[in-house]
Amino acid sequence: MAVITLTSDMGTRDYYVAALKASILTQAPEVSIVDISHEILPFSTVQASFVIRNCWKEFPKGTVHVIGVNADASEEFQHKIVSVDGHYFIGADNGIFALLFDKKPDRIYELNLNQDSDDLTFPTKNLFIKAACHLTRGGTPEVIGKEIESVRQAEDFRATVAESIIKGNVVYIDNYGNVVTNISHSLFKEIGRGRDFLIMFKRASMDIRKIHNGYSDVAEGEKVALFGSSGFLEIAINKGAPGNGGGANSLFGLKLNDIVRIEFNANQSR
């Protein structure tokens, strides 16, 4: 069965997501529709890329991923279809395609499909869904797009390094209040080389000196740092969550884009 996934910043309060699904069912009634998330912060390509990149490989090849985040077209942000490892991704080229993958896409197409409506304010439904249904019916991207060479580059998602310091940012806060940074496990090992370290944010009393393998490695209510399934550093509270003592974001006052530092061979008495 063909699969179309939907990711957007539309939320579920309004009619927008229902309209997307209705359009799919009208054009391709046999398609399986999967919601990845509709709770992306408005226009946040960084958050959308983090969510999608951590699940798209789990879908079968041939899946079409529709990205309705910051979707309006302009001279700067053109609509594109990107092919990677047997998957298609459709969205505005606002930098998200450069954030989604660790390699150059296999094929890139500038979408030149004409929409059936005069409404230019809802391209996710009127263009992206139409293109996605074309692909799930066995249509080729060459019919609805012109092959091109590159996608727009985005502001670097990766943490920065200066001598024995990694400086990262909070890029995602999940439903449990767990705080995810852009500090990857591979970068931590490369720079750390087995040395002692401090994970530093906000006040010194919050410093963390050890990486654990799982949340339950510490007592309930205790802070923990680990590299989760995403491969990026998480700061969490074991069994902490909104309504259950609070998650790491609320207890530590961490917000999106806040700085998290790792200093190797740091002053342990900070």
C-alpha atoms as a PDB file:
ATOM      1  CA  MET A   1       0.000   0.000   0.000  1.00  0.00           C
ATOM      2  CA  ALA A   2       1.254   3.476  -0.891  1.00  0.00           C
ATOM      3  CA  VAL A   3       1.977   5.791   2.053  1.00  0.00           C
ATOM      4  CA  ILE A   4       1.827   9.571   2.357  1.00  0.00           C
ATOM      5  CA  THR A   5       3.100  11.188   5.551  1.00  0.00           C
ATOM      6  CA  LEU A   6       2.063  14.636   6.701  1.00  0.00           C
ATOM      7  CA  THR A   7       4.127  17.069   8.760  1.00  0.00           C
ATOM      8  CA  SER A   8       2.961  20.616   9.364  1.00  0.00           C
ATOM      9  CA  ASP A   9       2.753  23.552  11.745  1.00  0.00           C
ATOM     10  CA  MET A  10      -1.039  23.714  11.329  1.00  0.00           C
ATOM     11  CA  GLY A  11      -2.030  22.149  14.651  1.00  0.00           C
ATOM     12  CA  THR A  12      -5.222  20.117  15.014  1.00  0.00           C
ATOM     13  CA  ARG A  13      -7.586  22.843  16.212  1.00  0.00           C
ATOM     14  CA  ASP A  14      -8.506  24.099  12.751  1.00  0.00           C
ATOM     15  CA  TYR A  15      -9.771  22.459   9.582  1.00  0.00           C
ATOM     16  CA  TYR A  16      -6.480  22.537   7.671  1.00  0.00           C
ATOM     17  CA  VAL A  17      -5.258  19.003   8.381  1.00  0.00           C
ATOM     18  CA  ALA A  18      -8.704  17.553   7.652  1.00  0.00           C
ATOM     19  CA  ALA A  19      -8.652  19.362   4.304  1.00  0.00           C
ATOM     20  CA  LEU A  20      -5.274  17.789   3.472  1.00  0.00           C
ATOM     21  CA  LYS A  21      -6.568  14.303   4.215  1.00  0.00           C
ATOM     22  CA  ALA A  22      -9.814  14.869   2.333  1.00  0.00           C
ATOM     23  CA  SER A  23      -7.817  15.944  -0.716  1.00  0.00           C
ATOM     24  CA  ILE A  24      -5.687  12.786  -0.541  1.00  0.00           C
ATOM     25  CA  LEU A  25      -8.706  10.511  -0.155  1.00  0.00           C
ATOM     26  CA  THR A  26     -10.418  12.180  -3.111  1.00  0.00           C
ATOM     27  CA  GLN A  27      -7.428  11.766  -5.418  1.00  0.00           C
ATOM     28  CA  ALA A  28      -5.947   8.500  -4.109  1.00  0.00           C
ATOM     29  CA  PRO A  29      -8.445   6.665  -1.887  1.00  0.00           C
ATOM     30  CA  GLU A  30      -6.211   3.606  -1.456  1.00  0.00           C
ATOM     31  CA  VAL A  31      -3.348   5.571   0.100  1.00  0.00           C
ATOM     32  CA  SER A  32      -2.437   5.100   3.749  1.00  0.00           C
ATOM     33  CA  ILE A  33      -2.059   8.479   5.489  1.00  0.00           C
ATOM     34  CA  VAL A  34       0.312   8.844   8.439  1.00  0.00           C
ATOM     35  CA  ASP A  35       0.553  11.984  10.563  1.00  0.00           C
ATOM     36  CA  ILE A  36       4.131  12.552  11.677  1.00  0.00           C
ATOM     37  CA  SER A  37       3.314  15.773  13.535  1.00  0.00           C
ATOM     38  CA  HIS A  38       1.127  18.836  13.155  1.00  0.00           C
ATOM     39  CA  GLU A  39       2.479  20.499  16.294  1.00  0.00           C
ATOM     40  CA  ILE A  40       5.651  21.955  14.762  1.00  0.00           C
ATOM     41  CA  LEU A  41       6.249  25.510  15.946  1.00  0.00           C
ATOM     42  CA  PRO A  42       5.020  27.940  13.277  1.00  0.00           C
ATOM     43  CA  PHE A  43       7.564  28.269  10.441  1.00  0.00           C
ATOM     44  CA  SER A  44      10.246  26.283  12.340  1.00  0.00           C
ATOM     45  CA  THR A  45      12.166  24.365   9.693  1.00  0.00           C
ATOM     46  CA  VAL A  46      14.729  23.294  12.304  1.00  0.00           C
ATOM     47  CA  GLN A  47      12.100  21.621  14.480  1.00  0.00           C
ATOM     48  CA  ALA A  48      10.370  20.057  11.479  1.00  0.00           C
ATOM     49  CA  SER A  49      13.641  18.657  10.173  1.00  0.00           C
ATOM     50  CA  PHE A  50      14.489  17.156  13.570  1.00  0.00           C
ATOM     51  CA  VAL A  51      11.142  15.378  13.813  1.00  0.00           C
ATOM     52  CA  ILE A  52      11.148  14.062  10.242  1.00  0.00           C
ATOM     53  CA  ARG A  53      14.793  12.987  10.139  1.00  0.00           C
ATOM     54  CA  ASN A  54      14.243  10.786  13.192  1.00  0.00           C
ATOM     55  CA  CYS A  55      11.469   8.710  11.644  1.00  0.00           C
ATOM     56  CA  TRP A  56      11.413   8.835   7.836  1.00  0.00           C
ATOM     57  CA  LYS A  57      13.762   5.877   7.403  1.00  0.00           C
ATOM     58  CA  GLU A  58      11.298   3.679   9.306  1.00  0.00           C
ATOM     59  CA  PHE A  59       8.755   3.996   6.486  1.00  0.00           C
ATOM     60  CA  PRO A  60       8.807   1.692   3.457  1.00  0.00           C
ATOM     61  CA  LYS A  61      10.552   2.797   0.294  1.00  0.00           C
ATOM     62  CA  GLY A  62       8.198   4.621  -2.018  1.00  0.00           C
ATOM     63  CA  THR A  63       6.713   6.675   0.834  1.00  0.00           C
ATOM     64  CA  VAL A  64       5.964  10.301  -0.032  1.00  0.00           C
ATOM     65  CA  HIS A  65       6.571  12.828   2.760  1.00  0.00           C
ATOM     66  CA  VAL A  66       4.608  16.074   2.523  1.00  0.00           C
ATOM     67  CA  ILE A  67       6.104  18.961   4.520  1.00  0.00           C
ATOM     68  CA  GLY A  68       3.669  21.787   5.204  1.00  0.00           C
ATOM     69  CA  VAL A  69       5.948  24.075   7.203  1.00  0.00           C
ATOM     70  CA  ASN A  70       6.716  27.578   5.912  1.00  0.00           C
ATOM     71  CA  ALA A  71       5.262  26.309   2.657  1.00  0.00           C
ATOM     72  CA  ASP A  72       4.619  29.483   0.681  1.00  0.00           C
ATOM     73  CA  ALA A  73       6.641  29.800  -2.490  1.00  0.00           C
ATOM     74  CA  SER A  74       8.746  32.819  -3.413  1.00  0.00           C
ATOM     75  CA  GLU A  75      11.650  33.648  -5.683  1.00  0.00           C
ATOM     76  CA  GLU A  76      13.866  32.578  -2.782  1.00  0.00           C
ATOM     77  CA  PHE A  77      11.912  29.507  -1.605  1.00  0.00           C
ATOM     78  CA  GLN A  78      10.786  27.405  -4.548  1.00  0.00           C
ATOM     79  CA  HIS A  79       8.630  24.295  -4.253  1.00  0.00           C
ATOM     80  CA  LYS A  80      10.611  21.112  -4.778  1.00  0.00           C
ATOM     81  CA  ILE A  81      10.503  17.332  -4.830  1.00  0.00           C
ATOM     82  CA  VAL A  82      13.540  15.616  -3.362  1.00  0.00           C
ATOM     83  CA  SER A  83      14.340  11.932  -3.757  1.00  0.00           C
ATOM     84  CA  VAL A  84      16.506  10.164  -1.153  1.00  0.00           C
ATOM     85  CA  ASP A  85      16.973   6.391  -0.756  1.00  0.00           C
ATOM     86  CA  GLY A  86      13.682   5.549  -2.444  1.00  0.00           C
ATOM     87  CA  HIS A  87      11.636   8.162  -0.562  1.00  0.00           C
ATOM     88  CA  TYR A  88      10.123  11.387  -1.902  1.00  0.00           C
ATOM     89  CA  PHE A  89       9.943  14.652   0.057  1.00  0.00           C
ATOM     90  CA  ILE A  90       7.754  17.543  -1.108  1.00  0.00           C
ATOM     91  CA  GLY A  91       7.920  21.035   0.340  1.00  0.00           C
ATOM     92  CA  ALA A  92       9.218  24.568   0.024  1.00  0.00           C
ATOM     93  CA  ASP A  93      12.979  24.806  -0.396  1.00  0.00           C
ATOM     94  CA  ASN A  94      13.393  27.000   2.689  1.00  0.00           C
ATOM     95  CA  GLY A  95      16.472  25.197   3.970  1.00  0.00           C
ATOM     96  CA  ILE A  96      14.704  22.149   5.353  1.00  0.00           C
ATOM     97  CA  PHE A  97      16.050  19.738   2.728  1.00  0.00           C
ATOM     98  CA  ALA A  98      19.619  20.636   3.710  1.00  0.00           C
ATOM     99  CA  LEU A  99      18.759  19.863   7.355  1.00  0.00           C
ATOM    100  CA  LEU A 100      16.950  16.583   6.737  1.00  0.00           C
ATOM    101  CA  PHE A 101      19.770  14.483   5.346  1.00  0.00           C
ATOM    102  CA  ASP A 102      23.431  13.814   6.000  1.00  0.00           C
ATOM    103  CA  LYS A 103      24.162  13.545   2.290  1.00  0.00           C
ATOM    104  CA  LYS A 104      23.184  15.186  -0.962  1.00  0.00           C
ATOM    105  CA  PRO A 105      19.762  14.068  -2.244  1.00  0.00           C
ATOM    106  CA  ASP A 106      19.733  11.520  -5.052  1.00  0.00           C
ATOM    107  CA  ARG A 107      17.492  13.677  -7.272  1.00  0.00           C
ATOM    108  CA  ILE A 108      16.038  17.175  -6.947  1.00  0.00           C
ATOM    109  CA  TYR A 109      13.138  18.585  -8.948  1.00  0.00           C
ATOM    110  CA  GLU A 110      11.654  22.044  -9.098  1.00  0.00           C
ATOM    111  CA  LEU A 111       7.905  21.511  -8.916  1.00  0.00           C
ATOM    112  CA  ASN A 112       6.101  23.066 -11.892  1.00  0.00           C
ATOM    113  CA  LEU A 113       2.695  21.503 -11.355  1.00  0.00           C
ATOM    114  CA  ASN A 114      -0.326  23.711 -11.965  1.00  0.00           C
ATOM    115  CA  GLN A 115      -2.881  23.734  -9.185  1.00  0.00           C
ATOM    116  CA  ASP A 116      -6.592  23.343  -9.846  1.00  0.00           C
ATOM    117  CA  SER A 117      -7.623  26.224  -7.610  1.00  0.00           C
ATOM    118  CA  ASP A 118      -7.085  29.975  -7.715  1.00  0.00           C
ATOM    119  CA  ASP A 119      -6.363  29.881  -3.980  1.00  0.00           C
ATOM    120  CA  LEU A 120      -2.633  30.522  -3.604  1.00  0.00           C
ATOM    121  CA  THR A 121      -2.696  30.585   0.204  1.00  0.00           C
ATOM    122  CA  PHE A 122      -2.777  26.813   0.777  1.00  0.00           C
ATOM    123  CA  PRO A 123       0.028  25.283  -1.313  1.00  0.00           C
ATOM    124  CA  THR A 124       0.329  22.227   0.946  1.00  0.00           C
ATOM    125  CA  LYS A 125      -3.139  21.093  -0.151  1.00  0.00           C
ATOM    126  CA  ASN A 126      -3.348  22.552  -3.642  1.00  0.00           C
ATOM    127  CA  LEU A 127       0.154  21.623  -4.837  1.00  0.00           C
ATOM    128  CA  PHE A 128       2.012  19.282  -2.472  1.00  0.00           C
ATOM    129  CA  ILE A 129      -0.880  16.845  -2.018  1.00  0.00           C
ATOM    130  CA  LYS A 130      -1.587  16.822  -5.745  1.00  0.00           C
ATOM    131  CA  ALA A 131       2.075  16.025  -6.427  1.00  0.00           C
ATOM    132  CA  ALA A 132       2.151  13.361  -3.709  1.00  0.00           C
ATOM    133  CA  CYS A 133      -0.896  11.586  -5.118  1.00  0.00           C
ATOM    134  CA  HIS A 134       0.660  11.654  -8.581  1.00  0.00           C
ATOM    135  CA  LEU A 135       3.746   9.905  -7.212  1.00  0.00           C
ATOM    136  CA  THR A 136       1.803   7.289  -5.241  1.00  0.00           C
ATOM    137  CA  ARG A 137      -0.143   6.378  -8.383  1.00  0.00           C
ATOM    138  CA  GLY A 138       3.158   5.523 -10.056  1.00  0.00           C
ATOM    139  CA  GLY A 139       3.730   8.850 -11.757  1.00  0.00           C
ATOM    140  CA  THR A 140       7.268  10.079 -12.160  1.00  0.00           C
ATOM    141  CA  PRO A 141       8.649  13.370 -10.814  1.00  0.00           C
ATOM    142  CA  GLU A 142       9.881  14.308 -14.296  1.00  0.00           C
ATOM    143  CA  VAL A 143       6.261  14.788 -15.377  1.00  0.00           C
ATOM    144  CA  ILE A 144       5.541  17.411 -12.714  1.00  0.00           C
ATOM    145  CA  GLY A 145       8.988  18.877 -12.136  1.00  0.00           C
ATOM    146  CA  LYS A 146      12.227  19.965 -13.732  1.00  0.00           C
ATOM    147  CA  GLU A 147      15.365  18.252 -12.500  1.00  0.00           C
ATOM    148  CA  ILE A 148      17.894  20.631 -10.960  1.00  0.00           C
ATOM    149  CA  GLU A 149      21.207  20.289  -9.146  1.00  0.00           C
ATOM    150  CA  SER A 150      20.880  21.640  -5.626  1.00  0.00           C
ATOM    151  CA  VAL A 151      18.724  22.663  -2.695  1.00  0.00           C
ATOM    152  CA  ARG A 152      18.972  25.797  -0.632  1.00  0.00           C
ATOM    153  CA  GLN A 153      21.490  25.614   2.197  1.00  0.00           C
ATOM    154  CA  ALA A 154      20.338  26.420   5.707  1.00  0.00           C
ATOM    155  CA  GLU A 155      21.958  27.867   8.778  1.00  0.00           C
ATOM    156  CA  ASP A 156      24.215  25.149  10.145  1.00  0.00           C
ATOM    157  CA  PHE A 157      22.317  22.741  12.382  1.00  0.00           C
ATOM    158  CA  ARG A 158      25.464  21.416  14.012  1.00  0.00           C
ATOM    159  CA  ALA A 159      27.022  22.474  17.297  1.00  0.00           C
ATOM    160  CA  THR A 160      30.243  24.496  17.238  1.00  0.00           C
ATOM    161  CA  VAL A 161      33.634  23.562  18.655  1.00  0.00           C
ATOM    162  CA  ALA A 162      36.355  25.753  20.164  1.00  0.00           C
ATOM    163  CA  GLU A 163      39.373  23.912  21.580  1.00  0.00           C
ATOM    164  CA  SER A 164      37.958  21.685  24.359  1.00  0.00           C
ATOM    165  CA  ILE A 165      34.452  23.141  24.363  1.00  0.00           C
ATOM    166  CA  ILE A 166      31.341  22.089  22.445  1.00  0.00           C
ATOM    167  CA  LYS A 167      28.673  24.751  22.262  1.00  0.00           C
ATOM    168  CA  GLY A 168      25.212  23.612  21.248  1.00  0.00           C
ATOM    169  CA  ASN A 169      21.608  24.707  21.440  1.00  0.00           C
ATOM    170  CA  VAL A 170      18.275  23.285  22.495  1.00  0.00           C
ATOM    171  CA  VAL A 171      16.530  22.300  19.254  1.00  0.00           C
ATOM    172  CA  TYR A 172      13.576  20.260  20.491  1.00  0.00           C
ATOM    173  CA  ILE A 173      11.498  19.691  23.625  1.00  0.00           C
ATOM    174  CA  ASP A 174       9.356  16.569  23.579  1.00  0.00           C
ATOM    175  CA  ASN A 175       6.027  15.797  25.258  1.00  0.00           C
ATOM    176  CA  TYR A 176       7.804  14.643  28.429  1.00  0.00           C
ATOM    177  CA  GLY A 177       9.765  17.865  28.750  1.00  0.00           C
ATOM    178  CA  ASN A 178      12.980  16.140  27.684  1.00  0.00           C
ATOM    179  CA  VAL A 179      15.380  18.663  26.155  1.00  0.00           C
ATOM    180  CA  VAL A 180      17.193  17.647  22.968  1.00  0.00           C
ATOM    181  CA  THR A 181      20.276  19.517  21.802  1.00  0.00           C
ATOM    182  CA  ASN A 182      22.153  19.576  18.505  1.00  0.00           C
ATOM    183  CA  ILE A 183      25.247  17.997  20.098  1.00  0.00           C
ATOM    184  CA  SER A 184      25.717  14.639  18.405  1.00  0.00           C
ATOM    185  CA  HIS A 185      27.204  11.538  19.996  1.00  0.00           C
ATOM    186  CA  SER A 186      29.855  11.341  17.290  1.00  0.00           C
ATOM    187  CA  LEU A 187      30.981  14.931  17.946  1.00  0.00           C
ATOM    188  CA  PHE A 188      31.059  14.287  21.705  1.00  0.00           C
ATOM    189  CA  LYS A 189      33.349  11.279  21.240  1.00  0.00           C
ATOM    190  CA  GLU A 190      35.528  13.051  18.683  1.00  0.00           C
ATOM    191  CA  ILE A 191      36.205  16.099  20.852  1.00  0.00           C
ATOM    192  CA  GLY A 192      36.050  14.428  24.255  1.00  0.00           C
ATOM    193  CA  ARG A 193      38.440  11.542  23.607  1.00  0.00           C
ATOM    194  CA  GLY A 194      37.441   9.959  26.928  1.00  0.00           C
ATOM    195  CA  ARG A 195      38.229  13.035  29.052  1.00  0.00           C
ATOM    196  CA  ASP A 196      36.283  14.258  32.082  1.00  0.00           C
ATOM    197  CA  PHE A 197      33.636  16.831  31.248  1.00  0.00           C
ATOM    198  CA  LEU A 198      30.929  19.131  32.506  1.00  0.00           C
ATOM    199  CA  ILE A 199      27.593  19.626  30.741  1.00  0.00           C
ATOM    200  CA  MET A 200      26.755  23.209  31.615  1.00  0.00           C
ATOM    201  CA  PHE A 201      23.540  25.203  31.338  1.00  0.00           C
ATOM    202  CA  LYS A 202      21.962  27.906  33.441  1.00  0.00           C
ATOM    203  CA  ARG A 203      23.363  27.626  37.019  1.00  0.00           C
ATOM    204  CA  ALA A 204      26.344  25.594  38.264  1.00  0.00           C
ATOM    205  CA  SER A 205      24.053  23.507  40.479  1.00  0.00           C
ATOM    206  CA  MET A 206      22.579  22.031  37.312  1.00  0.00           C
ATOM    207  CA  ASP A 207      25.896  20.814  35.866  1.00  0.00           C
ATOM    208  CA  ILE A 208      26.010  17.173  34.802  1.00  0.00           C
ATOM    209  CA  ARG A 209      29.237  15.169  34.920  1.00  0.00           C
ATOM    210  CA  LYS A 210      28.180  11.811  33.506  1.00  0.00           C
ATOM    211  CA  ILE A 211      26.450  10.358  30.453  1.00  0.00           C
ATOM    212  CA  HIS A 212      24.028   7.511  31.188  1.00  0.00           C
ATOM    213  CA  ASN A 213      22.601   4.875  28.877  1.00  0.00           C
ATOM    214  CA  GLY A 214      18.952   5.248  29.882  1.00  0.00           C
ATOM    215  CA  TYR A 215      16.562   7.366  31.924  1.00  0.00           C
ATOM    216  CA  SER A 216      16.184   4.714  34.652  1.00  0.00           C
ATOM    217  CA  ASP A 217      19.926   4.697  35.349  1.00  0.00           C
ATOM    218  CA  VAL A 218      19.187   7.423  37.886  1.00  0.00           C
ATOM    219  CA  ALA A 219      16.564   7.616  40.627  1.00  0.00           C
ATOM    220  CA  GLU A 220      13.113   8.969  39.825  1.00  0.00           C
ATOM    221  CA  GLY A 221      13.133  12.754  39.840  1.00  0.00           C
ATOM    222  CA  GLU A 222      16.888  12.987  39.210  1.00  0.00           C
ATOM    223  CA  LYS A 223      18.466  14.746  36.253  1.00  0.00           C
ATOM    224  CA  VAL A 224      20.098  12.621  33.570  1.00  0.00           C
ATOM    225  CA  ALA A 225      22.043  13.234  30.356  1.00  0.00           C
ATOM    226  CA  LEU A 226      22.092  10.641  27.610  1.00  0.00           C
ATOM    227  CA  PHE A 227      22.332  10.202  23.876  1.00  0.00           C
ATOM    228  CA  GLY A 228      18.860   9.079  22.863  1.00  0.00           C
ATOM    229  CA  SER A 229      17.554   7.319  19.791  1.00  0.00           C
ATOM    230  CA  SER A 230      18.047  10.517  17.783  1.00  0.00           C
ATOM    231  CA  GLY A 231      21.813  10.360  18.360  1.00  0.00           C
ATOM    232  CA  PHE A 232      21.800  13.784  20.021  1.00  0.00           C
ATOM    233  CA  LEU A 233      22.395  14.779  23.617  1.00  0.00           C
ATOM    234  CA  GLU A 234      19.263  14.839  25.769  1.00  0.00           C
ATOM    235  CA  ILE A 235      18.820  16.377  29.198  1.00  0.00           C
ATOM    236  CA  ALA A 236      15.938  14.823  31.094  1.00  0.00           C
ATOM    237  CA  ILE A 237      14.359  14.060  34.453  1.00  0.00           C
ATOM    238  CA  ASN A 238      13.701  10.366  35.083  1.00  0.00           C
ATOM    239  CA  LYS A 239       9.912   9.957  35.210  1.00  0.00           C
ATOM    240  CA  GLY A 240       9.566  13.723  35.055  1.00  0.00           C
ATOM    241  CA  ALA A 241       6.847  15.188  32.860  1.00  0.00           C
ATOM    242  CA  PRO A 242       4.370  18.039  32.889  1.00  0.00           C
ATOM    243  CA  GLY A 243       1.861  17.149  35.601  1.00  0.00           C
ATOM    244  CA  ASN A 244       4.264  14.665  37.218  1.00  0.00           C
ATOM    245  CA  GLY A 245       6.812  16.875  38.930  1.00  0.00           C
ATOM    246  CA  GLY A 246       7.819  18.639  35.737  1.00  0.00           C
ATOM    247  CA  GLY A 247      10.142  17.833  32.873  1.00  0.00           C
ATOM    248  CA  ALA A 248      13.700  19.034  32.391  1.00  0.00           C
ATOM    249  CA  ASN A 249      12.575  22.037  30.387  1.00  0.00           C
ATOM    250  CA  SER A 250      10.403  23.458  33.165  1.00  0.00           C
ATOM    251  CA  LEU A 251      12.591  22.439  36.129  1.00  0.00           C
ATOM    252  CA  PHE A 252      15.746  23.829  34.546  1.00  0.00           C
ATOM    253  CA  GLY A 253      14.096  26.718  32.722  1.00  0.00           C
ATOM    254  CA  LEU A 254      15.411  25.532  29.361  1.00  0.00           C
ATOM    255  CA  LYS A 255      13.797  26.844  26.194  1.00  0.00           C
ATOM    256  CA  LEU A 256      14.340  26.382  22.492  1.00  0.00           C
ATOM    257  CA  ASN A 257      17.631  27.903  21.299  1.00  0.00           C
ATOM    258  CA  ASP A 258      19.084  28.086  24.826  1.00  0.00           C
ATOM    259  CA  ILE A 259      22.823  27.335  24.960  1.00  0.00           C
ATOM    260  CA  VAL A 260      24.180  24.054  26.338  1.00  0.00           C
ATOM    261  CA  ARG A 261      27.980  23.737  26.704  1.00  0.00           C
ATOM    262  CA  ILE A 262      30.222  20.769  27.260  1.00  0.00           C
ATOM    263  CA  GLU A 263      33.662  21.600  28.613  1.00  0.00           C
ATOM    264  CA  PHE A 264      36.253  18.831  28.712  1.00  0.00           C
ATOM    265  CA  ASN A 265      38.766  18.831  31.596  1.00  0.00           C
ATOM    266  CA  ALA A 266      36.644  21.642  33.013  1.00  0.00           C
ATOM    267  CA  ASN A 267      36.965  23.170  36.465  1.00  0.00           C
ATOM    268  CA  GLN A 268      34.986  20.676  38.532  1.00  0.00           C
ATOM    269  CA  SER A 269      34.344  23.223  41.296  1.00  0.00           C
ATOM    270  CA  ARG A 270      32.397  25.682  39.138  1.00  0.00           C
END
